[in-house]
């Protein structure tokens, strides 16, 4: 189920990459579509660095896979991937999932306001007054 403001996308991702990432997500008790959404959001915000910018030739046959992202996240990720010379959004999604499957990136939850999420701002936690 998408979060508020997210829409369904269908990037082409290789079968082997999707299955490997699915296995890791399952072992961590996470939905893979959440992992993909989180990775795209962090990539768009500039807080996630790619170890490579080309998809793996061992990815297997590619087909559209369901992922969810807001227009803001999708567009910002698209701008960044162009600057980093990643071939397409499909390739970016596959690279992110492959990095996750290989434990090169790790999902985590970061509490932010909706406005901060929408603006893709990274914030420094403010100490809570006692």
N, C-alpha and C. Protein backbone atom coordinates (compact mmCIF):
# COMPACT_ATOMS: atom_id res chain seq x y z
N UNK A 1 0.84 -1.18 0.00
CA UNK A 1 0.00 0.00 0.00
C UNK A 1 0.89 1.24 0.00
N UNK A 2 0.63 2.17 -0.91
CA UNK A 2 1.46 3.37 -0.97
C UNK A 2 1.15 4.33 0.18
N UNK A 3 2.16 5.10 0.53
CA UNK A 3 1.96 6.17 1.52
C UNK A 3 1.20 7.30 0.83
N UNK A 4 0.64 8.19 1.62
CA UNK A 4 -0.09 9.33 1.09
C UNK A 4 0.81 10.11 0.14
N UNK A 5 0.31 10.39 -1.05
CA UNK A 5 1.06 11.17 -2.03
C UNK A 5 1.93 10.35 -2.95
N UNK A 6 2.05 9.05 -2.69
CA UNK A 6 2.86 8.20 -3.56
C UNK A 6 1.98 7.58 -4.64
N UNK A 7 2.56 7.39 -5.80
CA UNK A 7 1.85 6.73 -6.89
C UNK A 7 2.65 5.53 -7.36
N UNK A 8 1.97 4.63 -8.03
CA UNK A 8 2.61 3.41 -8.50
C UNK A 8 3.47 3.71 -9.72
N UNK A 9 4.66 3.13 -9.73
CA UNK A 9 5.58 3.21 -10.86
C UNK A 9 5.90 1.78 -11.26
N UNK A 10 6.44 1.59 -12.45
CA UNK A 10 6.75 0.23 -12.91
C UNK A 10 8.10 0.18 -13.63
N UNK A 11 9.20 0.44 -12.89
CA UNK A 11 10.52 0.35 -13.53
C UNK A 11 10.84 -1.11 -13.89
N UNK A 12 11.58 -1.29 -14.96
CA UNK A 12 12.01 -2.63 -15.36
C UNK A 12 13.22 -3.02 -14.53
N UNK A 13 13.08 -4.11 -13.79
CA UNK A 13 14.13 -4.59 -12.90
C UNK A 13 14.37 -6.07 -13.22
N UNK A 14 15.64 -6.46 -13.25
CA UNK A 14 15.99 -7.84 -13.54
C UNK A 14 15.45 -8.81 -12.50
N UNK A 15 15.06 -9.98 -12.98
CA UNK A 15 14.46 -11.00 -12.11
C UNK A 15 15.40 -11.41 -10.98
N UNK A 16 16.67 -11.65 -11.28
CA UNK A 16 17.62 -12.09 -10.25
C UNK A 16 17.80 -11.04 -9.17
N UNK A 17 17.86 -9.77 -9.56
CA UNK A 17 18.01 -8.68 -8.59
C UNK A 17 16.76 -8.58 -7.72
N UNK A 18 15.60 -8.62 -8.35
CA UNK A 18 14.33 -8.53 -7.61
C UNK A 18 14.22 -9.66 -6.59
N UNK A 19 14.54 -10.88 -7.02
CA UNK A 19 14.44 -12.03 -6.12
C UNK A 19 15.45 -11.95 -4.98
N UNK A 20 16.67 -11.52 -5.26
CA UNK A 20 17.68 -11.39 -4.19
C UNK A 20 17.27 -10.33 -3.18
N UNK A 21 16.80 -9.19 -3.68
CA UNK A 21 16.35 -8.13 -2.78
C UNK A 21 15.13 -8.58 -1.99
N UNK A 22 14.24 -9.34 -2.63
CA UNK A 22 13.04 -9.85 -1.95
C UNK A 22 13.42 -10.79 -0.81
N UNK A 23 14.41 -11.63 -1.04
CA UNK A 23 14.87 -12.55 0.01
C UNK A 23 15.41 -11.79 1.21
N UNK A 24 16.22 -10.76 0.96
CA UNK A 24 16.77 -9.99 2.07
C UNK A 24 15.64 -9.27 2.82
N UNK A 25 14.74 -8.64 2.08
CA UNK A 25 13.63 -7.92 2.71
C UNK A 25 12.80 -8.87 3.57
N UNK A 26 12.51 -10.05 3.03
CA UNK A 26 11.73 -11.03 3.79
C UNK A 26 12.45 -11.43 5.07
N UNK A 27 13.77 -11.62 4.98
CA UNK A 27 14.54 -12.03 6.16
C UNK A 27 14.56 -10.93 7.22
N UNK A 28 14.38 -9.68 6.79
CA UNK A 28 14.36 -8.55 7.72
C UNK A 28 12.94 -8.15 8.12
N UNK A 29 11.95 -8.88 7.58
CA UNK A 29 10.56 -8.59 7.91
C UNK A 29 10.05 -7.30 7.31
N UNK A 30 10.61 -6.92 6.15
CA UNK A 30 10.22 -5.67 5.51
C UNK A 30 9.57 -5.92 4.15
N UNK A 31 8.60 -5.12 3.78
CA UNK A 31 8.06 -5.23 2.43
C UNK A 31 9.07 -4.62 1.44
N UNK A 32 9.33 -5.32 0.36
CA UNK A 32 10.32 -4.84 -0.61
C UNK A 32 9.90 -3.51 -1.21
N UNK A 33 8.61 -3.28 -1.41
CA UNK A 33 8.20 -2.00 -1.98
C UNK A 33 8.51 -0.85 -1.03
N UNK A 34 8.50 -1.11 0.28
CA UNK A 34 8.90 -0.07 1.25
C UNK A 34 10.40 0.19 1.13
N UNK A 35 11.19 -0.88 1.01
CA UNK A 35 12.64 -0.73 0.87
C UNK A 35 12.95 0.10 -0.37
N UNK A 36 12.28 -0.20 -1.48
CA UNK A 36 12.52 0.54 -2.72
C UNK A 36 12.12 2.00 -2.57
N UNK A 37 10.98 2.27 -1.94
CA UNK A 37 10.53 3.63 -1.71
C UNK A 37 11.53 4.40 -0.84
N UNK A 38 12.01 3.75 0.21
CA UNK A 38 12.99 4.37 1.12
C UNK A 38 14.30 4.67 0.38
N UNK A 39 14.76 3.72 -0.43
CA UNK A 39 16.01 3.91 -1.17
C UNK A 39 15.88 5.06 -2.17
N UNK A 40 14.76 5.12 -2.87
CA UNK A 40 14.56 6.23 -3.82
C UNK A 40 14.50 7.58 -3.10
N UNK A 41 13.81 7.61 -1.96
CA UNK A 41 13.70 8.85 -1.19
C UNK A 41 15.07 9.32 -0.72
N UNK A 42 15.86 8.41 -0.17
CA UNK A 42 17.19 8.78 0.31
C UNK A 42 18.12 9.16 -0.84
N UNK A 43 18.02 8.47 -1.96
CA UNK A 43 18.82 8.81 -3.13
C UNK A 43 18.44 10.21 -3.62
N UNK A 44 17.15 10.47 -3.73
CA UNK A 44 16.67 11.78 -4.19
C UNK A 44 17.13 12.90 -3.27
N UNK A 45 17.17 12.61 -1.97
CA UNK A 45 17.58 13.61 -0.98
C UNK A 45 19.09 13.79 -0.94
N UNK A 46 19.83 12.94 -1.63
CA UNK A 46 21.29 13.05 -1.64
C UNK A 46 21.97 12.38 -0.47
N UNK A 47 21.23 11.58 0.29
CA UNK A 47 21.82 10.92 1.47
C UNK A 47 22.27 9.50 1.18
N UNK A 48 22.08 9.04 -0.04
CA UNK A 48 22.46 7.69 -0.42
C UNK A 48 23.36 7.77 -1.65
N UNK A 49 24.54 7.19 -1.55
CA UNK A 49 25.51 7.22 -2.63
C UNK A 49 25.57 5.87 -3.32
N UNK A 50 25.63 5.88 -4.63
CA UNK A 50 25.73 4.64 -5.40
C UNK A 50 27.17 4.18 -5.49
N UNK A 51 27.39 2.86 -5.36
CA UNK A 51 28.73 2.32 -5.52
C UNK A 51 29.08 2.14 -6.99
N UNK A 52 28.04 2.10 -7.84
CA UNK A 52 28.25 2.01 -9.29
C UNK A 52 27.06 2.65 -9.98
N UNK A 53 27.22 2.95 -11.26
CA UNK A 53 26.15 3.63 -11.98
C UNK A 53 25.63 2.84 -13.18
N UNK A 54 26.01 1.58 -13.28
CA UNK A 54 25.49 0.73 -14.35
C UNK A 54 24.85 -0.51 -13.74
N UNK A 55 23.80 -0.99 -14.40
CA UNK A 55 23.12 -2.18 -13.93
C UNK A 55 23.99 -3.41 -14.19
N UNK A 56 23.77 -4.44 -13.40
CA UNK A 56 24.54 -5.67 -13.51
C UNK A 56 24.09 -6.49 -14.71
N UNK A 57 25.06 -7.03 -15.48
CA UNK A 57 24.66 -7.87 -16.61
C UNK A 57 24.04 -9.20 -16.16
N UNK A 58 24.24 -9.59 -14.91
CA UNK A 58 23.68 -10.85 -14.39
C UNK A 58 22.27 -10.67 -13.83
N UNK A 59 21.65 -9.55 -14.08
CA UNK A 59 20.34 -9.25 -13.49
C UNK A 59 19.23 -10.15 -13.99
N UNK A 60 19.41 -10.75 -15.15
CA UNK A 60 18.38 -11.61 -15.71
C UNK A 60 17.37 -10.82 -16.52
N UNK A 61 16.33 -11.50 -17.00
CA UNK A 61 15.33 -10.81 -17.81
C UNK A 61 14.63 -9.72 -16.99
N UNK A 62 14.37 -8.60 -17.62
CA UNK A 62 13.77 -7.47 -16.93
C UNK A 62 12.29 -7.36 -17.27
N UNK A 63 11.53 -6.91 -16.27
CA UNK A 63 10.12 -6.60 -16.49
C UNK A 63 9.70 -5.55 -15.48
N UNK A 64 8.56 -4.93 -15.73
CA UNK A 64 8.06 -3.89 -14.84
C UNK A 64 7.73 -4.45 -13.47
N UNK A 65 8.23 -3.79 -12.44
CA UNK A 65 7.97 -4.16 -11.04
C UNK A 65 7.28 -3.01 -10.35
N UNK A 66 6.38 -3.31 -9.46
CA UNK A 66 5.65 -2.26 -8.77
C UNK A 66 6.49 -1.64 -7.67
N UNK A 67 6.63 -0.32 -7.74
CA UNK A 67 7.25 0.47 -6.68
C UNK A 67 6.38 1.71 -6.49
N UNK A 68 6.52 2.36 -5.36
CA UNK A 68 5.73 3.55 -5.08
C UNK A 68 6.66 4.71 -4.74
N UNK A 69 6.35 5.88 -5.28
CA UNK A 69 7.13 7.08 -4.97
C UNK A 69 6.26 8.29 -5.27
N UNK A 70 6.50 9.35 -4.53
CA UNK A 70 5.80 10.60 -4.82
C UNK A 70 6.41 11.21 -6.08
N UNK A 71 5.68 12.11 -6.70
CA UNK A 71 6.21 12.80 -7.88
C UNK A 71 7.49 13.56 -7.52
N UNK A 72 7.51 14.18 -6.35
CA UNK A 72 8.69 14.93 -5.92
C UNK A 72 9.92 14.02 -5.83
N UNK A 73 9.76 12.90 -5.16
CA UNK A 73 10.88 11.97 -5.00
C UNK A 73 11.31 11.44 -6.36
N UNK A 74 10.36 11.00 -7.16
CA UNK A 74 10.68 10.44 -8.48
C UNK A 74 11.44 11.46 -9.33
N UNK A 75 10.94 12.70 -9.36
CA UNK A 75 11.57 13.74 -10.18
C UNK A 75 12.96 14.13 -9.67
N UNK A 76 13.12 14.23 -8.36
CA UNK A 76 14.44 14.56 -7.80
C UNK A 76 15.43 13.42 -8.03
N UNK A 77 14.98 12.19 -7.88
CA UNK A 77 15.85 11.04 -8.16
C UNK A 77 16.24 11.02 -9.63
N UNK A 78 15.29 11.36 -10.50
CA UNK A 78 15.56 11.39 -11.93
C UNK A 78 16.61 12.45 -12.26
N UNK A 79 16.49 13.64 -11.66
CA UNK A 79 17.49 14.70 -11.89
C UNK A 79 18.88 14.25 -11.44
N UNK A 80 18.94 13.64 -10.27
CA UNK A 80 20.24 13.21 -9.74
C UNK A 80 20.83 12.09 -10.59
N UNK A 81 20.00 11.14 -11.03
CA UNK A 81 20.54 10.03 -11.83
C UNK A 81 21.08 10.52 -13.16
N UNK A 82 20.46 11.57 -13.73
CA UNK A 82 20.98 12.16 -14.97
C UNK A 82 22.36 12.74 -14.73
N UNK A 83 22.52 13.49 -13.63
CA UNK A 83 23.83 14.08 -13.29
C UNK A 83 24.88 13.00 -13.07
N UNK A 84 24.46 11.86 -12.51
CA UNK A 84 25.40 10.78 -12.22
C UNK A 84 25.54 9.80 -13.39
N UNK A 85 24.90 10.13 -14.51
CA UNK A 85 25.00 9.34 -15.73
C UNK A 85 24.48 7.91 -15.61
N UNK A 86 23.40 7.74 -14.85
CA UNK A 86 22.71 6.46 -14.78
C UNK A 86 21.73 6.46 -15.94
N UNK A 87 21.71 5.40 -16.70
CA UNK A 87 20.99 5.29 -17.97
C UNK A 87 19.51 5.65 -17.89
N UNK A 88 18.81 5.18 -16.88
CA UNK A 88 17.35 5.37 -16.80
C UNK A 88 16.89 5.20 -15.36
N UNK A 89 15.63 5.53 -15.11
CA UNK A 89 15.07 5.29 -13.78
C UNK A 89 14.96 3.80 -13.52
N UNK A 90 14.70 3.01 -14.53
CA UNK A 90 14.68 1.55 -14.35
C UNK A 90 16.05 1.07 -13.89
N UNK A 91 17.10 1.56 -14.56
CA UNK A 91 18.46 1.16 -14.16
C UNK A 91 18.75 1.62 -12.73
N UNK A 92 18.33 2.83 -12.38
CA UNK A 92 18.55 3.32 -11.02
C UNK A 92 17.87 2.42 -10.00
N UNK A 93 16.61 2.08 -10.24
CA UNK A 93 15.89 1.21 -9.30
C UNK A 93 16.58 -0.14 -9.18
N UNK A 94 17.04 -0.68 -10.29
CA UNK A 94 17.73 -1.97 -10.24
C UNK A 94 19.05 -1.86 -9.48
N UNK A 95 19.80 -0.79 -9.70
CA UNK A 95 21.06 -0.58 -8.99
C UNK A 95 20.82 -0.46 -7.49
N UNK A 96 19.79 0.29 -7.11
CA UNK A 96 19.47 0.44 -5.68
C UNK A 96 19.08 -0.89 -5.06
N UNK A 97 18.23 -1.66 -5.74
CA UNK A 97 17.82 -2.95 -5.20
C UNK A 97 18.99 -3.94 -5.15
N UNK A 98 19.86 -3.88 -6.14
CA UNK A 98 21.03 -4.75 -6.13
C UNK A 98 21.95 -4.40 -4.96
N UNK A 99 22.14 -3.11 -4.72
CA UNK A 99 22.96 -2.67 -3.59
C UNK A 99 22.34 -3.14 -2.27
N UNK A 100 21.03 -3.07 -2.18
CA UNK A 100 20.34 -3.56 -0.98
C UNK A 100 20.53 -5.07 -0.84
N UNK A 101 20.34 -5.81 -1.92
CA UNK A 101 20.48 -7.27 -1.87
C UNK A 101 21.89 -7.68 -1.44
N UNK A 102 22.88 -6.88 -1.81
CA UNK A 102 24.29 -7.17 -1.48
C UNK A 102 24.71 -6.56 -0.13
N UNK A 103 23.75 -6.01 0.59
CA UNK A 103 23.99 -5.37 1.89
C UNK A 103 24.94 -4.18 1.81
N UNK A 104 24.93 -3.50 0.66
CA UNK A 104 25.72 -2.28 0.51
C UNK A 104 24.95 -1.07 1.03
N UNK A 105 23.64 -1.17 1.09
CA UNK A 105 22.81 -0.13 1.68
C UNK A 105 21.84 -0.80 2.66
N UNK A 106 21.41 -0.02 3.63
CA UNK A 106 20.57 -0.57 4.70
C UNK A 106 19.37 0.34 4.92
N UNK A 107 18.19 -0.26 5.05
CA UNK A 107 17.01 0.56 5.31
C UNK A 107 16.96 0.98 6.77
N UNK A 108 16.40 2.12 6.99
CA UNK A 108 16.17 2.58 8.36
C UNK A 108 15.04 3.59 8.30
N UNK A 109 14.46 3.84 9.41
CA UNK A 109 13.38 4.82 9.48
C UNK A 109 13.92 6.10 10.09
N UNK A 110 13.58 7.21 9.49
CA UNK A 110 13.98 8.51 10.00
C UNK A 110 12.71 9.32 10.13
N UNK A 111 12.44 9.82 11.31
CA UNK A 111 11.21 10.56 11.54
C UNK A 111 11.37 11.99 11.04
N UNK A 112 10.50 12.38 10.11
CA UNK A 112 10.48 13.74 9.59
C UNK A 112 9.03 14.16 9.42
N UNK A 113 8.82 15.45 9.32
CA UNK A 113 7.48 15.93 9.04
C UNK A 113 7.16 15.70 7.56
N UNK A 114 5.90 15.77 7.24
CA UNK A 114 5.50 15.60 5.85
C UNK A 114 6.13 16.70 4.99
N UNK A 115 6.16 17.92 5.50
CA UNK A 115 6.76 19.02 4.75
C UNK A 115 8.25 18.76 4.48
N UNK A 116 8.97 18.26 5.50
CA UNK A 116 10.39 17.96 5.30
C UNK A 116 10.56 16.86 4.26
N UNK A 117 9.74 15.83 4.33
CA UNK A 117 9.81 14.76 3.35
C UNK A 117 9.57 15.31 1.96
N UNK A 118 8.55 16.13 1.83
CA UNK A 118 8.19 16.67 0.52
C UNK A 118 9.27 17.59 -0.04
N UNK A 119 9.95 18.29 0.82
CA UNK A 119 11.01 19.19 0.38
C UNK A 119 12.34 18.47 0.23
N UNK A 120 12.39 17.21 0.64
CA UNK A 120 13.61 16.40 0.56
C UNK A 120 14.78 17.03 1.29
N UNK A 121 14.47 17.59 2.47
CA UNK A 121 15.51 18.20 3.28
C UNK A 121 16.02 17.21 4.29
N UNK A 122 17.31 17.17 4.46
CA UNK A 122 17.89 16.37 5.53
C UNK A 122 17.98 17.27 6.75
N UNK A 123 17.46 16.79 7.88
CA UNK A 123 17.47 17.62 9.08
C UNK A 123 18.35 16.99 10.14
N UNK A 124 18.90 17.82 10.97
CA UNK A 124 19.67 17.37 12.11
C UNK A 124 18.72 17.26 13.28
N UNK A 125 18.72 16.14 14.00
CA UNK A 125 17.81 15.99 15.13
C UNK A 125 18.04 17.09 16.17
N UNK A 126 16.96 17.64 16.66
CA UNK A 126 17.02 18.67 17.68
C UNK A 126 16.81 18.02 19.03
N UNK A 127 17.68 18.32 20.02
CA UNK A 127 17.47 17.74 21.34
C UNK A 127 16.12 18.20 21.91
N UNK A 128 15.45 17.27 22.55
CA UNK A 128 14.16 17.57 23.17
C UNK A 128 14.42 18.17 24.54
N UNK A 129 13.77 19.30 24.82
CA UNK A 129 13.92 19.94 26.13
C UNK A 129 13.23 19.10 27.18
N UNK A 130 13.86 18.95 28.34
CA UNK A 130 13.29 18.14 29.41
C UNK A 130 12.32 18.90 30.24
